[in-house]
Structures are given as structure tokens and as C-alpha cells.
Amino acid sequence: MKINMLKLYASLVYPKPGMNEKQLQYRFKGRWVVITGASRGIGFALAKRLMQVGANLYLVARNGAELQTLCSEAQTMGCQALCRALDLRDRPALDLLCHELKQLPTVDYLFCNAGKSIFRKIADATDRLHDFDRTIDLNYRSVVALALALLPALQQAGGQLVYTSSVSCLYPPAPGWSAYHASKCATNVWCRTAESEWKRLGVGVHVAYLPLVRTEMSMANPNYRSLPAYSADDAACILLRLAMKSRFSYQPWWARLTAPVASLFAPLVRFFYQKAVR
């Protein structure tokens, strides 16, 4: 009974996203798609999905060996594919990547999927300013740098920028996540601003507020391993569906219902937390 109830809960909170394969092929075949964080997790699942429908891929990640294998697989399937292994927190390397991306004839889609998650209370980070630097550089600055570099190409193609965010950003800040949430929320605000400014340029901007996804990054936290979650392929389907629609964001159905109400209870939650940590 307990197992059945858990399955029912998971199916309600994480409904399986459908995908119209014909529409996917129509929208992405022969188009140039840039994906960051492409060697693992959601980015890897995105690349696999897109090579199956004939998209041309420019793949970015830190792991060169895994990236090259994925790139070669795409080429074997008849796709044009390029890959660059680098750490997007490395500013000189990011500058070189931006310069190289500007040489592409066109870019139809930019999926900013690379991200860094970190849990550490502020009082435990007094001598760890680098935690904030690294998180901001990857989760915020690299997204802005790539988007600015590719704006002319996206404008020429009538392209789309899709950013992978977190559903937790829709709720009041949680203790321990200051670096992560600050960097993610900064990018959310930047994307919302870009969406309003770039609409007249013919460029779409989208933010996916994803719930828990079972990836190597999220499962590093032992508290998440037993919880229901989307698979990386499910998350990739959500991102692809969002890229093909005109709406700005994806939010789980339950977040649309509960996030507006959660802010009303935030003072109460903070009060009990402060009592508990004294």
C-alpha cells in the first residue's frame, strides 16, 4: 500500500511530459542548437533527443572525453556537430568561446543548462567568498555572456534562449542556499528583462522552473535520493516543449498553485527557523 501511494504521489507531482516527435523534427531538423552542460544529465539528454531529429549541435561542457564521444555520435547520425570542453567559470576561456560562437553562420536555439548547486549556510562561508564567485560565474555570468555573444545570430534566425532554472526560486529563500538561489534568481530576472526587450527583435526567451531532476548533481545530496524526481530525459522534453511555445516560463502545476501562497507563510517559517537555530 505504501509503495502504491508513493507511486500515485509521484505520478501526480511529476506527470510524464509528452512529446510530439513530428513537431520536434519540424522545429529542430537542420537547425543549429547550442547546449551548455552537454556531457551529462539534462544537457546530455537534450543532445541525444536533438541528434535523433537531425539538429546541428554545438556542445559545451567540462568533460572533454564524454563530450567528444557525444559529438562523434551526432556526426555518425548525419548531424553537423562541434564541441568545446571548458569550464564556463574560466573567464578567458569563456571569452574565447563567445568569439568562436560568433563565427557560426546562424544559431536557432541556445539552451543554457550548465549549473552549479551548493548548500552552505552563510555563517559557515565567512572565509569562502569563492563559493559565491564560482556559483555566480557559472549560473549567472556565463549565461549573460553567451546570450550577449549570440544575440545577433539569434536575431537573424528568430531564435530562442532557454534557461534551466529551479522551482525553488519561486518560493521564499531557504536557509543554506544563499549562493545558489541568489545566482539563479539573478538569471531569472535577467531573462525576464531580456524577454521584454528582445521580443521586438524577434528573439524568444524562456525560463524552465524545473522541480527535482535525478542527475549526478542533484543526487550528490543524500536527502534527495529517495524523493520522487523527473528523469533527465523528462526534463529535456520539458525544455524542448517550452522552446517550441510562445510562453515565457514552465512551472509545475503545483508550483503555480502554491508559490503565490507560500510568500504569506514566509514570516512564520522564518520565525520558527530562527527559534530552532538559537
C-alpha atoms as a PDB file:
ATOM      1  CA  MET A   1       0.000   0.000   0.000  1.00  0.00           C
ATOM      2  CA  LYS A   2       2.807   2.410   0.922  1.00  0.00           C
ATOM      3  CA  ILE A   3       4.583   1.749  -2.386  1.00  0.00           C
ATOM      4  CA  ASN A   4       1.362   2.289  -4.364  1.00  0.00           C
ATOM      5  CA  MET A   5       0.707   5.568  -2.561  1.00  0.00           C
ATOM      6  CA  LEU A   6       4.244   6.730  -3.309  1.00  0.00           C
ATOM      7  CA  LYS A   7       3.800   5.880  -6.987  1.00  0.00           C
ATOM      8  CA  LEU A   8       0.495   7.745  -7.055  1.00  0.00           C
ATOM      9  CA  TYR A   9       2.105  10.768  -5.416  1.00  0.00           C
ATOM     10  CA  ALA A  10       4.998  10.703  -7.880  1.00  0.00           C
ATOM     11  CA  SER A  11       2.666  10.473 -10.883  1.00  0.00           C
ATOM     12  CA  LEU A  12       0.681  13.463  -9.636  1.00  0.00           C
ATOM     13  CA  VAL A  13       3.628  15.677  -8.745  1.00  0.00           C
ATOM     14  CA  TYR A  14       5.789  14.551 -11.676  1.00  0.00           C
ATOM     15  CA  PRO A  15       3.406  13.811 -14.563  1.00  0.00           C
ATOM     16  CA  LYS A  16       5.123  12.321 -17.604  1.00  0.00           C
ATOM     17  CA  PRO A  17       5.712  15.076 -20.200  1.00  0.00           C
ATOM     18  CA  GLY A  18       4.514  14.147 -23.671  1.00  0.00           C
ATOM     19  CA  MET A  19       6.457  14.926 -26.819  1.00  0.00           C
ATOM     20  CA  ASN A  20       5.215  15.307 -30.378  1.00  0.00           C
ATOM     21  CA  GLU A  21       8.077  13.767 -32.336  1.00  0.00           C
ATOM     22  CA  LYS A  22       6.879  15.118 -35.696  1.00  0.00           C
ATOM     23  CA  GLN A  23       6.712  18.637 -34.324  1.00  0.00           C
ATOM     24  CA  LEU A  24      10.127  18.186 -32.753  1.00  0.00           C
ATOM     25  CA  GLN A  25      11.617  17.151 -36.079  1.00  0.00           C
ATOM     26  CA  TYR A  26       9.868  20.003 -37.906  1.00  0.00           C
ATOM     27  CA  ARG A  27      11.203  22.619 -35.476  1.00  0.00           C
ATOM     28  CA  PHE A  28      14.758  21.339 -34.965  1.00  0.00           C
ATOM     29  CA  LYS A  29      15.889  19.384 -38.039  1.00  0.00           C
ATOM     30  CA  GLY A  30      18.787  21.196 -39.693  1.00  0.00           C
ATOM     31  CA  ARG A  31      18.779  23.961 -37.052  1.00  0.00           C
ATOM     32  CA  TRP A  32      21.851  24.964 -35.059  1.00  0.00           C
ATOM     33  CA  VAL A  33      21.466  24.366 -31.327  1.00  0.00           C
ATOM     34  CA  VAL A  34      23.988  25.390 -28.662  1.00  0.00           C
ATOM     35  CA  ILE A  35      23.808  23.392 -25.415  1.00  0.00           C
ATOM     36  CA  THR A  36      25.857  24.032 -22.275  1.00  0.00           C
ATOM     37  CA  GLY A  37      26.339  21.289 -19.709  1.00  0.00           C
ATOM     38  CA  ALA A  38      26.000  18.835 -22.585  1.00  0.00           C
ATOM     39  CA  SER A  39      28.121  15.909 -21.408  1.00  0.00           C
ATOM     40  CA  ARG A  40      25.848  14.756 -18.565  1.00  0.00           C
ATOM     41  CA  GLY A  41      22.368  14.986 -17.090  1.00  0.00           C
ATOM     42  CA  ILE A  42      19.769  17.182 -18.760  1.00  0.00           C
ATOM     43  CA  GLY A  43      22.193  18.617 -21.324  1.00  0.00           C
ATOM     44  CA  PHE A  44      23.213  15.117 -22.406  1.00  0.00           C
ATOM     45  CA  ALA A  45      19.560  14.080 -22.731  1.00  0.00           C
ATOM     46  CA  LEU A  46      18.859  17.211 -24.789  1.00  0.00           C
ATOM     47  CA  ALA A  47      21.710  16.413 -27.171  1.00  0.00           C
ATOM     48  CA  LYS A  48      20.562  12.799 -27.595  1.00  0.00           C
ATOM     49  CA  ARG A  49      16.991  13.886 -28.341  1.00  0.00           C
ATOM     50  CA  LEU A  50      18.064  16.511 -30.840  1.00  0.00           C
ATOM     51  CA  MET A  51      20.535  14.396 -32.773  1.00  0.00           C
ATOM     52  CA  GLN A  52      17.747  11.872 -33.334  1.00  0.00           C
ATOM     53  CA  VAL A  53      15.749  14.510 -35.233  1.00  0.00           C
ATOM     54  CA  GLY A  54      18.699  15.826 -37.250  1.00  0.00           C
ATOM     55  CA  ALA A  55      19.612  19.019 -35.402  1.00  0.00           C
ATOM     56  CA  ASN A  56      23.094  20.518 -35.772  1.00  0.00           C
ATOM     57  CA  LEU A  57      24.773  20.717 -32.390  1.00  0.00           C
ATOM     58  CA  TYR A  58      27.367  22.889 -30.704  1.00  0.00           C
ATOM     59  CA  LEU A  59      28.048  21.170 -27.400  1.00  0.00           C
ATOM     60  CA  VAL A  60      29.787  22.730 -24.403  1.00  0.00           C
ATOM     61  CA  ALA A  61      30.850  21.010 -21.167  1.00  0.00           C
ATOM     62  CA  ARG A  62      33.865  20.405 -18.940  1.00  0.00           C
ATOM     63  CA  ASN A  63      34.363  16.697 -19.647  1.00  0.00           C
ATOM     64  CA  GLY A  64      36.217  16.544 -22.958  1.00  0.00           C
ATOM     65  CA  ALA A  65      36.173  12.763 -23.416  1.00  0.00           C
ATOM     66  CA  GLU A  66      32.433  12.373 -22.839  1.00  0.00           C
ATOM     67  CA  LEU A  67      31.743  15.437 -24.972  1.00  0.00           C
ATOM     68  CA  GLN A  68      33.798  14.123 -27.900  1.00  0.00           C
ATOM     69  CA  THR A  69      32.012  10.767 -27.763  1.00  0.00           C
ATOM     70  CA  LEU A  70      28.634  12.515 -27.903  1.00  0.00           C
ATOM     71  CA  CYS A  71      29.789  14.778 -30.711  1.00  0.00           C
ATOM     72  CA  SER A  72      31.060  11.818 -32.762  1.00  0.00           C
ATOM     73  CA  GLU A  73      27.754  10.016 -32.247  1.00  0.00           C
ATOM     74  CA  ALA A  74      25.867  13.024 -33.605  1.00  0.00           C
ATOM     75  CA  GLN A  75      28.133  13.179 -36.644  1.00  0.00           C
ATOM     76  CA  THR A  76      27.610   9.467 -37.281  1.00  0.00           C
ATOM     77  CA  MET A  77      23.862  10.139 -37.369  1.00  0.00           C
ATOM     78  CA  GLY A  78      24.349  12.773 -40.094  1.00  0.00           C
ATOM     79  CA  CYS A  79      24.284  15.880 -37.908  1.00  0.00           C
ATOM     80  CA  GLN A  80      26.817  18.660 -38.034  1.00  0.00           C
ATOM     81  CA  ALA A  81      28.344  18.719 -34.582  1.00  0.00           C
ATOM     82  CA  LEU A  82      31.050  20.710 -32.822  1.00  0.00           C
ATOM     83  CA  CYS A  83      32.141  20.502 -29.215  1.00  0.00           C
ATOM     84  CA  ARG A  84      34.275  22.557 -26.862  1.00  0.00           C
ATOM     85  CA  ALA A  85      35.485  21.369 -23.474  1.00  0.00           C
ATOM     86  CA  LEU A  86      35.924  24.197 -20.983  1.00  0.00           C
ATOM     87  CA  ASP A  87      34.894  25.433 -17.577  1.00  0.00           C
ATOM     88  CA  LEU A  88      32.448  28.292 -18.113  1.00  0.00           C
ATOM     89  CA  ARG A  89      33.713  29.855 -14.864  1.00  0.00           C
ATOM     90  CA  ASP A  90      37.085  30.408 -16.578  1.00  0.00           C
ATOM     91  CA  ARG A  91      36.582  33.933 -17.911  1.00  0.00           C
ATOM     92  CA  PRO A  92      39.363  33.941 -20.558  1.00  0.00           C
ATOM     93  CA  ALA A  93      38.154  30.551 -21.857  1.00  0.00           C
ATOM     94  CA  LEU A  94      34.567  31.840 -21.891  1.00  0.00           C
ATOM     95  CA  ASP A  95      35.677  34.907 -23.866  1.00  0.00           C
ATOM     96  CA  LEU A  96      37.304  32.646 -26.476  1.00  0.00           C
ATOM     97  CA  LEU A  97      34.162  30.501 -26.656  1.00  0.00           C
ATOM     98  CA  CYS A  98      31.980  33.567 -27.202  1.00  0.00           C
ATOM     99  CA  HIS A  99      34.294  34.721 -30.004  1.00  0.00           C
ATOM    100  CA  GLU A 100      34.122  31.296 -31.650  1.00  0.00           C
ATOM    101  CA  LEU A 101      30.346  31.098 -31.367  1.00  0.00           C
ATOM    102  CA  LYS A 102      30.069  34.411 -33.177  1.00  0.00           C
ATOM    103  CA  GLN A 103      31.591  32.682 -36.203  1.00  0.00           C
ATOM    104  CA  LEU A 104      28.662  30.288 -36.550  1.00  0.00           C
ATOM    105  CA  PRO A 105      26.522  31.131 -39.595  1.00  0.00           C
ATOM    106  CA  THR A 106      23.359  31.044 -37.509  1.00  0.00           C
ATOM    107  CA  VAL A 107      22.094  29.932 -34.108  1.00  0.00           C
ATOM    108  CA  ASP A 108      18.457  28.945 -33.732  1.00  0.00           C
ATOM    109  CA  TYR A 109      18.407  27.795 -30.101  1.00  0.00           C
ATOM    110  CA  LEU A 110      20.586  28.384 -27.060  1.00  0.00           C
ATOM    111  CA  PHE A 111      19.961  26.026 -24.124  1.00  0.00           C
ATOM    112  CA  CYS A 112      21.771  27.298 -21.025  1.00  0.00           C
ATOM    113  CA  ASN A 113      21.772  24.200 -18.903  1.00  0.00           C
ATOM    114  CA  ALA A 114      25.149  24.183 -17.124  1.00  0.00           C
ATOM    115  CA  GLY A 115      24.795  24.925 -13.440  1.00  0.00           C
ATOM    116  CA  LYS A 116      26.370  24.634 -10.006  1.00  0.00           C
ATOM    117  CA  SER A 117      24.463  23.718  -6.851  1.00  0.00           C
ATOM    118  CA  ILE A 118      25.859  24.372  -3.399  1.00  0.00           C
ATOM    119  CA  PHE A 119      24.431  24.090   0.126  1.00  0.00           C
ATOM    120  CA  ARG A 120      26.256  26.027   2.822  1.00  0.00           C
ATOM    121  CA  LYS A 121      24.991  28.390   5.500  1.00  0.00           C
ATOM    122  CA  ILE A 122      26.281  31.945   5.334  1.00  0.00           C
ATOM    123  CA  ALA A 123      27.914  31.734   8.764  1.00  0.00           C
ATOM    124  CA  ASP A 124      29.912  28.738   7.508  1.00  0.00           C
ATOM    125  CA  ALA A 125      31.124  30.647   4.441  1.00  0.00           C
ATOM    126  CA  THR A 126      32.828  33.631   6.057  1.00  0.00           C
ATOM    127  CA  ASP A 127      36.183  32.579   4.578  1.00  0.00           C
ATOM    128  CA  ARG A 128      34.700  31.085   1.393  1.00  0.00           C
ATOM    129  CA  LEU A 129      33.854  34.029  -0.834  1.00  0.00           C
ATOM    130  CA  HIS A 130      34.966  31.847  -3.730  1.00  0.00           C
ATOM    131  CA  ASP A 131      31.806  29.748  -3.236  1.00  0.00           C
ATOM    132  CA  PHE A 132      29.768  32.771  -4.301  1.00  0.00           C
ATOM    133  CA  ASP A 133      32.178  33.746  -7.080  1.00  0.00           C
ATOM    134  CA  ARG A 134      32.090  30.286  -8.664  1.00  0.00           C
ATOM    135  CA  THR A 135      28.325  29.939  -8.376  1.00  0.00           C
ATOM    136  CA  ILE A 136      27.624  33.386  -9.806  1.00  0.00           C
ATOM    137  CA  ASP A 137      30.160  32.934 -12.609  1.00  0.00           C
ATOM    138  CA  LEU A 138      28.521  29.726 -13.804  1.00  0.00           C
ATOM    139  CA  ASN A 139      24.831  30.194 -13.004  1.00  0.00           C
ATOM    140  CA  TYR A 140      24.605  33.867 -13.964  1.00  0.00           C
ATOM    141  CA  ARG A 141      27.583  35.439 -15.696  1.00  0.00           C
ATOM    142  CA  SER A 142      28.187  32.685 -18.263  1.00  0.00           C
ATOM    143  CA  VAL A 143      24.529  32.756 -19.305  1.00  0.00           C
ATOM    144  CA  VAL A 144      24.640  36.512 -19.860  1.00  0.00           C
ATOM    145  CA  ALA A 145      27.962  36.307 -21.726  1.00  0.00           C
ATOM    146  CA  LEU A 146      26.712  33.611 -24.116  1.00  0.00           C
ATOM    147  CA  ALA A 147      23.379  35.336 -24.663  1.00  0.00           C
ATOM    148  CA  LEU A 148      25.052  38.660 -25.498  1.00  0.00           C
ATOM    149  CA  ALA A 149      27.525  36.986 -27.856  1.00  0.00           C
ATOM    150  CA  LEU A 150      24.781  35.090 -29.688  1.00  0.00           C
ATOM    151  CA  LEU A 151      22.139  37.817 -29.801  1.00  0.00           C
ATOM    152  CA  PRO A 152      22.928  38.883 -33.402  1.00  0.00           C
ATOM    153  CA  ALA A 153      22.765  35.267 -34.605  1.00  0.00           C
ATOM    154  CA  LEU A 154      19.581  34.589 -32.637  1.00  0.00           C
ATOM    155  CA  GLN A 155      18.009  37.752 -34.015  1.00  0.00           C
ATOM    156  CA  GLN A 156      18.885  36.782 -37.579  1.00  0.00           C
ATOM    157  CA  ALA A 157      17.326  33.341 -37.101  1.00  0.00           C
ATOM    158  CA  GLY A 158      14.367  34.418 -34.959  1.00  0.00           C
ATOM    159  CA  GLY A 159      15.888  32.140 -32.334  1.00  0.00           C
ATOM    160  CA  GLN A 160      15.144  31.143 -28.759  1.00  0.00           C
ATOM    161  CA  LEU A 161      17.057  31.246 -25.477  1.00  0.00           C
ATOM    162  CA  VAL A 162      16.019  28.615 -22.916  1.00  0.00           C
ATOM    163  CA  TYR A 163      17.382  28.777 -19.382  1.00  0.00           C
ATOM    164  CA  THR A 164      17.198  25.879 -16.924  1.00  0.00           C
ATOM    165  CA  SER A 165      16.220  27.314 -13.543  1.00  0.00           C
ATOM    166  CA  SER A 166      14.827  25.804 -10.349  1.00  0.00           C
ATOM    167  CA  VAL A 167      11.289  25.704  -8.974  1.00  0.00           C
ATOM    168  CA  SER A 168      12.760  26.629  -5.584  1.00  0.00           C
ATOM    169  CA  CYS A 169      13.288  30.168  -6.921  1.00  0.00           C
ATOM    170  CA  LEU A 170       9.511  30.648  -6.894  1.00  0.00           C
ATOM    171  CA  TYR A 171       9.389  30.208  -3.118  1.00  0.00           C
ATOM    172  CA  PRO A 172      10.785  32.231  -0.204  1.00  0.00           C
ATOM    173  CA  PRO A 173      14.556  31.802   0.290  1.00  0.00           C
ATOM    174  CA  ALA A 174      15.564  28.659   2.154  1.00  0.00           C
ATOM    175  CA  PRO A 175      18.414  28.572   4.707  1.00  0.00           C
ATOM    176  CA  GLY A 176      21.640  27.172   3.333  1.00  0.00           C
ATOM    177  CA  TRP A 177      21.035  28.013  -0.309  1.00  0.00           C
ATOM    178  CA  SER A 178      22.094  31.674  -0.425  1.00  0.00           C
ATOM    179  CA  ALA A 179      24.752  31.300  -3.150  1.00  0.00           C
ATOM    180  CA  TYR A 180      22.657  29.012  -5.338  1.00  0.00           C
ATOM    181  CA  HIS A 181      19.382  30.905  -5.083  1.00  0.00           C
ATOM    182  CA  ALA A 182      20.985  34.325  -5.479  1.00  0.00           C
ATOM    183  CA  SER A 183      22.710  33.264  -8.708  1.00  0.00           C
ATOM    184  CA  LYS A 184      19.642  31.528 -10.117  1.00  0.00           C
ATOM    185  CA  CYS A 185      17.266  34.364  -9.225  1.00  0.00           C
ATOM    186  CA  ALA A 186      19.640  36.895 -10.782  1.00  0.00           C
ATOM    187  CA  THR A 187      19.480  34.995 -14.064  1.00  0.00           C
ATOM    188  CA  ASN A 188      15.697  34.657 -13.830  1.00  0.00           C
ATOM    189  CA  VAL A 189      15.367  38.436 -13.537  1.00  0.00           C
ATOM    190  CA  TRP A 190      17.849  38.979 -16.367  1.00  0.00           C
ATOM    191  CA  CYS A 191      15.915  36.585 -18.599  1.00  0.00           C
ATOM    192  CA  ARG A 192      12.605  38.270 -17.819  1.00  0.00           C
ATOM    193  CA  THR A 193      14.138  41.620 -18.729  1.00  0.00           C
ATOM    194  CA  ALA A 194      15.636  40.191 -21.921  1.00  0.00           C
ATOM    195  CA  GLU A 195      12.266  38.653 -22.820  1.00  0.00           C
ATOM    196  CA  SER A 196      10.589  42.054 -22.714  1.00  0.00           C
ATOM    197  CA  GLU A 197      13.416  43.781 -24.622  1.00  0.00           C
ATOM    198  CA  TRP A 198      14.121  41.091 -27.212  1.00  0.00           C
ATOM    199  CA  LYS A 199      10.529  40.394 -28.215  1.00  0.00           C
ATOM    200  CA  ARG A 200      10.653  43.273 -30.693  1.00  0.00           C
ATOM    201  CA  LEU A 201      13.884  41.797 -32.072  1.00  0.00           C
ATOM    202  CA  GLY A 202      12.127  38.506 -32.803  1.00  0.00           C
ATOM    203  CA  VAL A 203      14.076  36.550 -30.176  1.00  0.00           C
ATOM    204  CA  GLY A 204      12.222  34.427 -27.635  1.00  0.00           C
ATOM    205  CA  VAL A 205      13.420  33.959 -24.050  1.00  0.00           C
ATOM    206  CA  HIS A 206      12.176  31.184 -21.766  1.00  0.00           C
ATOM    207  CA  VAL A 207      12.839  30.038 -18.198  1.00  0.00           C
ATOM    208  CA  ALA A 208      12.075  26.495 -17.042  1.00  0.00           C
ATOM    209  CA  TYR A 209      11.485  26.362 -13.281  1.00  0.00           C
ATOM    210  CA  LEU A 210      12.205  22.657 -13.022  1.00  0.00           C
ATOM    211  CA  PRO A 211      11.453  20.579  -9.931  1.00  0.00           C
ATOM    212  CA  LEU A 212      13.848  17.893  -8.719  1.00  0.00           C
ATOM    213  CA  VAL A 213      15.571  16.042 -11.573  1.00  0.00           C
ATOM    214  CA  ARG A 214      17.503  12.833 -10.974  1.00  0.00           C
ATOM    215  CA  THR A 215      21.003  13.775 -12.152  1.00  0.00           C
ATOM    216  CA  GLU A 216      24.517  13.342 -10.852  1.00  0.00           C
ATOM    217  CA  MET A 217      24.466  16.899  -9.478  1.00  0.00           C
ATOM    218  CA  SER A 218      21.189  16.633  -7.570  1.00  0.00           C
ATOM    219  CA  MET A 219      21.773  13.111  -6.276  1.00  0.00           C
ATOM    220  CA  ALA A 220      25.021  14.233  -4.636  1.00  0.00           C
ATOM    221  CA  ASN A 221      22.705  15.454  -1.870  1.00  0.00           C
ATOM    222  CA  PRO A 222      21.700  12.291   0.071  1.00  0.00           C
ATOM    223  CA  ASN A 223      18.434  13.930   1.181  1.00  0.00           C
ATOM    224  CA  TYR A 224      17.190  13.895  -2.418  1.00  0.00           C
ATOM    225  CA  ARG A 225      17.967  10.298  -3.342  1.00  0.00           C
ATOM    226  CA  SER A 226      14.746   8.779  -2.030  1.00  0.00           C
ATOM    227  CA  LEU A 227      12.460  11.548  -3.300  1.00  0.00           C
ATOM    228  CA  PRO A 228      10.386  11.357  -6.491  1.00  0.00           C
ATOM    229  CA  ALA A 229      12.020  13.192  -9.377  1.00  0.00           C
ATOM    230  CA  TYR A 230      11.941  13.651 -13.118  1.00  0.00           C
ATOM    231  CA  SER A 231      14.489  11.780 -15.198  1.00  0.00           C
ATOM    232  CA  ALA A 232      16.973  13.790 -17.253  1.00  0.00           C
ATOM    233  CA  ASP A 233      15.069  12.808 -20.409  1.00  0.00           C
ATOM    234  CA  ASP A 234      11.777  14.021 -18.893  1.00  0.00           C
ATOM    235  CA  ALA A 235      13.426  17.356 -18.105  1.00  0.00           C
ATOM    236  CA  ALA A 236      14.825  17.566 -21.642  1.00  0.00           C
ATOM    237  CA  CYS A 237      11.310  17.051 -23.024  1.00  0.00           C
ATOM    238  CA  ILE A 238      10.026  19.895 -20.844  1.00  0.00           C
ATOM    239  CA  LEU A 239      12.757  22.215 -22.152  1.00  0.00           C
ATOM    240  CA  LEU A 240      12.096  21.275 -25.770  1.00  0.00           C
ATOM    241  CA  ARG A 241       8.359  21.790 -25.379  1.00  0.00           C
ATOM    242  CA  LEU A 242       8.982  25.189 -23.817  1.00  0.00           C
ATOM    243  CA  ALA A 243      11.309  26.170 -26.682  1.00  0.00           C
ATOM    244  CA  MET A 244       8.524  25.427 -29.161  1.00  0.00           C
ATOM    245  CA  LYS A 245       5.928  27.568 -27.355  1.00  0.00           C
ATOM    246  CA  SER A 246       5.452  31.305 -27.005  1.00  0.00           C
ATOM    247  CA  ARG A 247       5.038  31.418 -23.234  1.00  0.00           C
ATOM    248  CA  PHE A 248       7.864  32.727 -21.072  1.00  0.00           C
ATOM    249  CA  SER A 249       8.137  30.026 -18.439  1.00  0.00           C
ATOM    250  CA  TYR A 250       7.417  26.476 -17.416  1.00  0.00           C
ATOM    251  CA  GLN A 251       6.273  25.867 -13.847  1.00  0.00           C
ATOM    252  CA  PRO A 252       4.963  22.589 -12.385  1.00  0.00           C
ATOM    253  CA  TRP A 253       1.194  22.737 -11.909  1.00  0.00           C
ATOM    254  CA  TRP A 254       1.576  22.532  -8.143  1.00  0.00           C
ATOM    255  CA  ALA A 255       4.008  25.448  -8.074  1.00  0.00           C
ATOM    256  CA  ARG A 256       1.526  27.660  -9.891  1.00  0.00           C
ATOM    257  CA  LEU A 257      -0.953  26.913  -7.101  1.00  0.00           C
ATOM    258  CA  THR A 258       1.300  27.045  -4.046  1.00  0.00           C
ATOM    259  CA  ALA A 259       4.065  29.562  -4.796  1.00  0.00           C
ATOM    260  CA  PRO A 260       1.839  32.670  -4.511  1.00  0.00           C
ATOM    261  CA  VAL A 261       0.510  31.429  -1.158  1.00  0.00           C
ATOM    262  CA  ALA A 262       3.933  30.421   0.195  1.00  0.00           C
ATOM    263  CA  SER A 263       5.047  34.032   0.497  1.00  0.00           C
ATOM    264  CA  LEU A 264       2.243  34.639   3.001  1.00  0.00           C
ATOM    265  CA  PHE A 265       3.663  31.998   5.334  1.00  0.00           C
ATOM    266  CA  ALA A 266       7.314  33.002   4.893  1.00  0.00           C
ATOM    267  CA  PRO A 267       7.462  35.157   8.068  1.00  0.00           C
ATOM    268  CA  LEU A 268       6.105  32.252  10.130  1.00  0.00           C
ATOM    269  CA  VAL A 269       8.613  29.803   8.656  1.00  0.00           C
ATOM    270  CA  ARG A 270      11.485  32.225   9.317  1.00  0.00           C
ATOM    271  CA  PHE A 271      10.308  32.738  12.901  1.00  0.00           C
ATOM    272  CA  PHE A 272      10.323  29.013  13.723  1.00  0.00           C
ATOM    273  CA  TYR A 273      13.650  28.512  11.933  1.00  0.00           C
ATOM    274  CA  GLN A 274      15.271  31.301  13.936  1.00  0.00           C
ATOM    275  CA  LYS A 275      13.906  29.766  17.161  1.00  0.00           C
ATOM    276  CA  ALA A 276      15.266  26.373  16.192  1.00  0.00           C
ATOM    277  CA  VAL A 277      18.833  27.520  15.460  1.00  0.00           C
ATOM    278  CA  ARG A 278      19.333  29.582  18.627  1.00  0.00           C
END
